[in-house]
Amino acid sequence: MIFQHIDLPRLHTAAKHSGSKLTTWVEGDNFHITNTTTDRTDLLLVNMQYMPVLTMEAGKWYRWRMVMSSAVESMVIQASDNNCQFQLLSKDGIFLTDAPRTINTFFMTPGNRADIAVRCDTVGTTKMICTATNGDAKRCPRECR
């Protein structure tokens, strides 16, 4: 999974200052219609999807290989209930000597990679709450269920 933090106003400013011709943000006023899924301008994407749904079989372990490809944002991820278990296997490509390590939340900073084993025990929906760590309350919480 690739986590990407998108700050649309920051991208708009960068495009304007650089004279980018890749979007219509610089010429005209099309920036306000860029995102038709939500009115949020501070997004966390998972594999380029906004709030994707991942289907897992109850009781089965899955390996999540993750990278935080943000240049600025860090995040903490935790399940919204006690239905899922997390086991940390590796960080930044190095397997832990005490793996698997039971964790309740996991922390990702820019460029971090992690392998985590995940198992959800009951059938139903569990949301993963992604919380920004920069202290900006308007960005918290995020959902990346």
C-alpha atoms as a PDB file:
ATOM      1  CA  MET A   1       0.000   0.000   0.000  1.00  0.00           C
ATOM      2  CA  ILE A   2       1.298   3.413  -0.887  1.00  0.00           C
ATOM      3  CA  PHE A   3       0.057   6.199   1.389  1.00  0.00           C
ATOM      4  CA  GLN A   4       0.172   9.621  -0.224  1.00  0.00           C
ATOM      5  CA  HIS A   5      -0.644  12.893   1.454  1.00  0.00           C
ATOM      6  CA  ILE A   6      -2.113  15.423  -0.977  1.00  0.00           C
ATOM      7  CA  ASP A   7      -2.422  19.068   0.053  1.00  0.00           C
ATOM      8  CA  LEU A   8      -4.318  20.606  -2.887  1.00  0.00           C
ATOM      9  CA  PRO A   9      -3.754  24.280  -1.933  1.00  0.00           C
ATOM     10  CA  ARG A  10       0.002  23.619  -1.662  1.00  0.00           C
ATOM     11  CA  LEU A  11      -0.008  21.892  -5.081  1.00  0.00           C
ATOM     12  CA  HIS A  12      -1.967  24.804  -6.549  1.00  0.00           C
ATOM     13  CA  THR A  13       0.581  27.299  -5.199  1.00  0.00           C
ATOM     14  CA  ALA A  14       3.500  25.232  -6.521  1.00  0.00           C
ATOM     15  CA  ALA A  15       1.876  24.941  -9.963  1.00  0.00           C
ATOM     16  CA  LYS A  16       1.224  28.679 -10.048  1.00  0.00           C
ATOM     17  CA  HIS A  17       4.794  29.633  -9.057  1.00  0.00           C
ATOM     18  CA  SER A  18       6.403  27.151 -11.435  1.00  0.00           C
ATOM     19  CA  GLY A  19       4.153  28.048 -14.373  1.00  0.00           C
ATOM     20  CA  SER A  20       3.173  24.393 -14.707  1.00  0.00           C
ATOM     21  CA  LYS A  21       1.137  23.528 -17.782  1.00  0.00           C
ATOM     22  CA  LEU A  22       0.253  20.022 -16.510  1.00  0.00           C
ATOM     23  CA  THR A  23      -3.027  21.186 -14.990  1.00  0.00           C
ATOM     24  CA  THR A  24      -5.536  23.910 -15.736  1.00  0.00           C
ATOM     25  CA  TRP A  25      -4.973  25.313 -12.234  1.00  0.00           C
ATOM     26  CA  VAL A  26      -2.652  28.051 -13.476  1.00  0.00           C
ATOM     27  CA  GLU A  27      -4.773  29.293 -16.358  1.00  0.00           C
ATOM     28  CA  GLY A  28      -8.340  29.994 -15.339  1.00  0.00           C
ATOM     29  CA  ASP A  29     -10.103  29.166 -12.117  1.00  0.00           C
ATOM     30  CA  ASN A  30     -10.508  25.392 -12.412  1.00  0.00           C
ATOM     31  CA  PHE A  31      -8.828  24.572  -9.097  1.00  0.00           C
ATOM     32  CA  HIS A  32     -12.130  24.653  -7.188  1.00  0.00           C
ATOM     33  CA  ILE A  33     -13.574  21.799  -9.311  1.00  0.00           C
ATOM     34  CA  THR A  34     -10.523  19.521  -9.115  1.00  0.00           C
ATOM     35  CA  ASN A  35     -11.984  17.195  -6.507  1.00  0.00           C
ATOM     36  CA  THR A  36     -15.537  16.005  -7.114  1.00  0.00           C
ATOM     37  CA  THR A  37     -15.550  13.220  -4.464  1.00  0.00           C
ATOM     38  CA  THR A  38     -15.178  15.417  -1.394  1.00  0.00           C
ATOM     39  CA  ASP A  39     -14.812  19.058  -0.482  1.00  0.00           C
ATOM     40  CA  ARG A  40     -11.684  18.281   1.544  1.00  0.00           C
ATOM     41  CA  THR A  41      -8.477  19.751   0.189  1.00  0.00           C
ATOM     42  CA  ASP A  42      -6.145  17.845   2.514  1.00  0.00           C
ATOM     43  CA  LEU A  43      -6.318  14.191   1.483  1.00  0.00           C
ATOM     44  CA  LEU A  44      -4.686  10.906   2.347  1.00  0.00           C
ATOM     45  CA  LEU A  45      -4.754   8.477  -0.563  1.00  0.00           C
ATOM     46  CA  VAL A  46      -4.095   4.746  -0.370  1.00  0.00           C
ATOM     47  CA  ASN A  47      -2.870   3.373  -3.699  1.00  0.00           C
ATOM     48  CA  MET A  48      -4.205   6.577  -5.292  1.00  0.00           C
ATOM     49  CA  GLN A  49      -7.714   5.956  -3.917  1.00  0.00           C
ATOM     50  CA  TYR A  50      -9.655   8.153  -1.515  1.00  0.00           C
ATOM     51  CA  MET A  51     -11.079   6.018   1.332  1.00  0.00           C
ATOM     52  CA  PRO A  52     -10.607   2.656  -0.406  1.00  0.00           C
ATOM     53  CA  VAL A  53     -12.302  -0.496   0.847  1.00  0.00           C
ATOM     54  CA  LEU A  54     -10.129  -3.558   1.405  1.00  0.00           C
ATOM     55  CA  THR A  55     -11.931  -6.895   1.583  1.00  0.00           C
ATOM     56  CA  MET A  56     -10.402  -9.494   3.897  1.00  0.00           C
ATOM     57  CA  GLU A  57     -11.545 -12.927   5.035  1.00  0.00           C
ATOM     58  CA  ALA A  58     -12.350 -13.016   8.769  1.00  0.00           C
ATOM     59  CA  GLY A  59      -9.754 -14.876  10.842  1.00  0.00           C
ATOM     60  CA  LYS A  60      -7.104 -14.939   8.092  1.00  0.00           C
ATOM     61  CA  TRP A  61      -3.723 -13.187   8.425  1.00  0.00           C
ATOM     62  CA  TYR A  62      -2.722 -10.752   5.664  1.00  0.00           C
ATOM     63  CA  ARG A  63       0.599  -9.040   5.115  1.00  0.00           C
ATOM     64  CA  TRP A  64       0.344  -5.318   4.474  1.00  0.00           C
ATOM     65  CA  ARG A  65       3.470  -3.886   2.854  1.00  0.00           C
ATOM     66  CA  MET A  66       3.243  -0.139   3.244  1.00  0.00           C
ATOM     67  CA  VAL A  67       5.185   2.968   2.324  1.00  0.00           C
ATOM     68  CA  MET A  68       4.474   6.554   3.374  1.00  0.00           C
ATOM     69  CA  SER A  69       5.318   8.566   0.288  1.00  0.00           C
ATOM     70  CA  SER A  70       4.598  11.956   1.813  1.00  0.00           C
ATOM     71  CA  ALA A  71       7.305  14.595   1.901  1.00  0.00           C
ATOM     72  CA  VAL A  72       5.826  16.428   4.900  1.00  0.00           C
ATOM     73  CA  GLU A  73       3.044  14.537   6.659  1.00  0.00           C
ATOM     74  CA  SER A  74       3.389  11.739   9.219  1.00  0.00           C
ATOM     75  CA  MET A  75       0.512   9.625  10.485  1.00  0.00           C
ATOM     76  CA  VAL A  76      -0.612   7.185  13.131  1.00  0.00           C
ATOM     77  CA  ILE A  77      -2.996   4.394  12.101  1.00  0.00           C
ATOM     78  CA  GLN A  78      -5.250   2.388  14.382  1.00  0.00           C
ATOM     79  CA  ALA A  79      -8.416   0.338  14.036  1.00  0.00           C
ATOM     80  CA  SER A  80     -11.694   1.960  15.061  1.00  0.00           C
ATOM     81  CA  ASP A  81     -12.565  -1.083  17.189  1.00  0.00           C
ATOM     82  CA  ASN A  82     -10.895  -4.144  18.729  1.00  0.00           C
ATOM     83  CA  ASN A  83     -11.845  -6.436  15.846  1.00  0.00           C
ATOM     84  CA  CYS A  84      -8.394  -6.430  14.198  1.00  0.00           C
ATOM     85  CA  GLN A  85      -4.965  -7.524  15.402  1.00  0.00           C
ATOM     86  CA  PHE A  86      -1.675  -6.059  14.155  1.00  0.00           C
ATOM     87  CA  GLN A  87       1.776  -7.666  14.227  1.00  0.00           C
ATOM     88  CA  LEU A  88       4.775  -5.569  13.172  1.00  0.00           C
ATOM     89  CA  LEU A  89       7.155  -7.647  11.037  1.00  0.00           C
ATOM     90  CA  SER A  90       9.669  -5.179   9.598  1.00  0.00           C
ATOM     91  CA  LYS A  91      10.480  -1.496   9.377  1.00  0.00           C
ATOM     92  CA  ASP A  92      12.220   0.118   6.420  1.00  0.00           C
ATOM     93  CA  GLY A  93      12.976  -3.279   4.884  1.00  0.00           C
ATOM     94  CA  ILE A  94      14.679  -4.730   7.978  1.00  0.00           C
ATOM     95  CA  PHE A  95      12.928  -7.601   9.760  1.00  0.00           C
ATOM     96  CA  LEU A  96      12.666  -7.141  13.509  1.00  0.00           C
ATOM     97  CA  THR A  97      14.679  -9.489  15.715  1.00  0.00           C
ATOM     98  CA  ASP A  98      11.609  -9.876  17.968  1.00  0.00           C
ATOM     99  CA  ALA A  99       9.065 -10.216  15.144  1.00  0.00           C
ATOM    100  CA  PRO A 100       6.192 -10.548  15.150  1.00  0.00           C
ATOM    101  CA  ARG A 101       5.665  -7.704  17.625  1.00  0.00           C
ATOM    102  CA  THR A 102       2.078  -7.076  18.746  1.00  0.00           C
ATOM    103  CA  ILE A 103       1.046  -3.448  18.206  1.00  0.00           C
ATOM    104  CA  ASN A 104      -2.218  -1.513  18.549  1.00  0.00           C
ATOM    105  CA  THR A 105      -1.229   1.439  16.363  1.00  0.00           C
ATOM    106  CA  PHE A 106       1.510   2.072  13.852  1.00  0.00           C
ATOM    107  CA  PHE A 107       3.388   5.251  13.086  1.00  0.00           C
ATOM    108  CA  MET A 108       4.537   6.204   9.591  1.00  0.00           C
ATOM    109  CA  THR A 109       6.806   9.167   8.830  1.00  0.00           C
ATOM    110  CA  PRO A 110       7.794  10.427   5.351  1.00  0.00           C
ATOM    111  CA  GLY A 111       9.606   7.690   3.455  1.00  0.00           C
ATOM    112  CA  ASN A 112       8.925   4.979   6.056  1.00  0.00           C
ATOM    113  CA  ARG A 113       8.202   1.446   4.993  1.00  0.00           C
ATOM    114  CA  ALA A 114       6.625  -1.250   7.160  1.00  0.00           C
ATOM    115  CA  ASP A 115       5.402  -4.816   6.881  1.00  0.00           C
ATOM    116  CA  ILE A 116       2.486  -5.558   9.189  1.00  0.00           C
ATOM    117  CA  ALA A 117       0.470  -8.748   9.595  1.00  0.00           C
ATOM    118  CA  VAL A 118      -3.229  -7.955  10.014  1.00  0.00           C
ATOM    119  CA  ARG A 119      -6.098 -10.208  11.034  1.00  0.00           C
ATOM    120  CA  CYS A 120      -9.701  -9.169  11.644  1.00  0.00           C
ATOM    121  CA  ASP A 121     -11.634 -11.716  13.670  1.00  0.00           C
ATOM    122  CA  THR A 122     -15.284 -11.042  12.862  1.00  0.00           C
ATOM    123  CA  VAL A 123     -17.292 -10.334   9.739  1.00  0.00           C
ATOM    124  CA  GLY A 124     -18.190  -6.681   9.302  1.00  0.00           C
ATOM    125  CA  THR A 125     -16.603  -3.320   8.620  1.00  0.00           C
ATOM    126  CA  THR A 126     -13.669  -1.932  10.558  1.00  0.00           C
ATOM    127  CA  LYS A 127     -12.422   1.543   9.760  1.00  0.00           C
ATOM    128  CA  MET A 128      -8.755   2.397  10.022  1.00  0.00           C
ATOM    129  CA  ILE A 129      -8.360   5.811  11.604  1.00  0.00           C
ATOM    130  CA  CYS A 130      -5.375   7.748  10.239  1.00  0.00           C
ATOM    131  CA  THR A 131      -4.405  10.681  12.418  1.00  0.00           C
ATOM    132  CA  ALA A 132      -1.991  13.412  11.344  1.00  0.00           C
ATOM    133  CA  THR A 133       0.841  14.021  13.774  1.00  0.00           C
ATOM    134  CA  ASN A 134       1.599  17.643  13.020  1.00  0.00           C
ATOM    135  CA  GLY A 135      -0.909  18.859  15.645  1.00  0.00           C
ATOM    136  CA  ASP A 136      -3.253  20.459  13.110  1.00  0.00           C
ATOM    137  CA  ALA A 137      -6.691  19.591  14.539  1.00  0.00           C
ATOM    138  CA  LYS A 138      -8.543  20.291  11.273  1.00  0.00           C
ATOM    139  CA  ARG A 139      -6.689  17.377   9.661  1.00  0.00           C
ATOM    140  CA  CYS A 140      -7.688  14.813  12.298  1.00  0.00           C
ATOM    141  CA  PRO A 141      -9.042  12.221  12.198  1.00  0.00           C
ATOM    142  CA  ARG A 142      -8.791  10.816   8.713  1.00  0.00           C
ATOM    143  CA  GLU A 143     -10.331   7.573   7.661  1.00  0.00           C
ATOM    144  CA  CYS A 144      -8.622   5.148   5.326  1.00  0.00           C
ATOM    145  CA  ARG A 145     -10.945   2.223   5.970  1.00  0.00           C
END
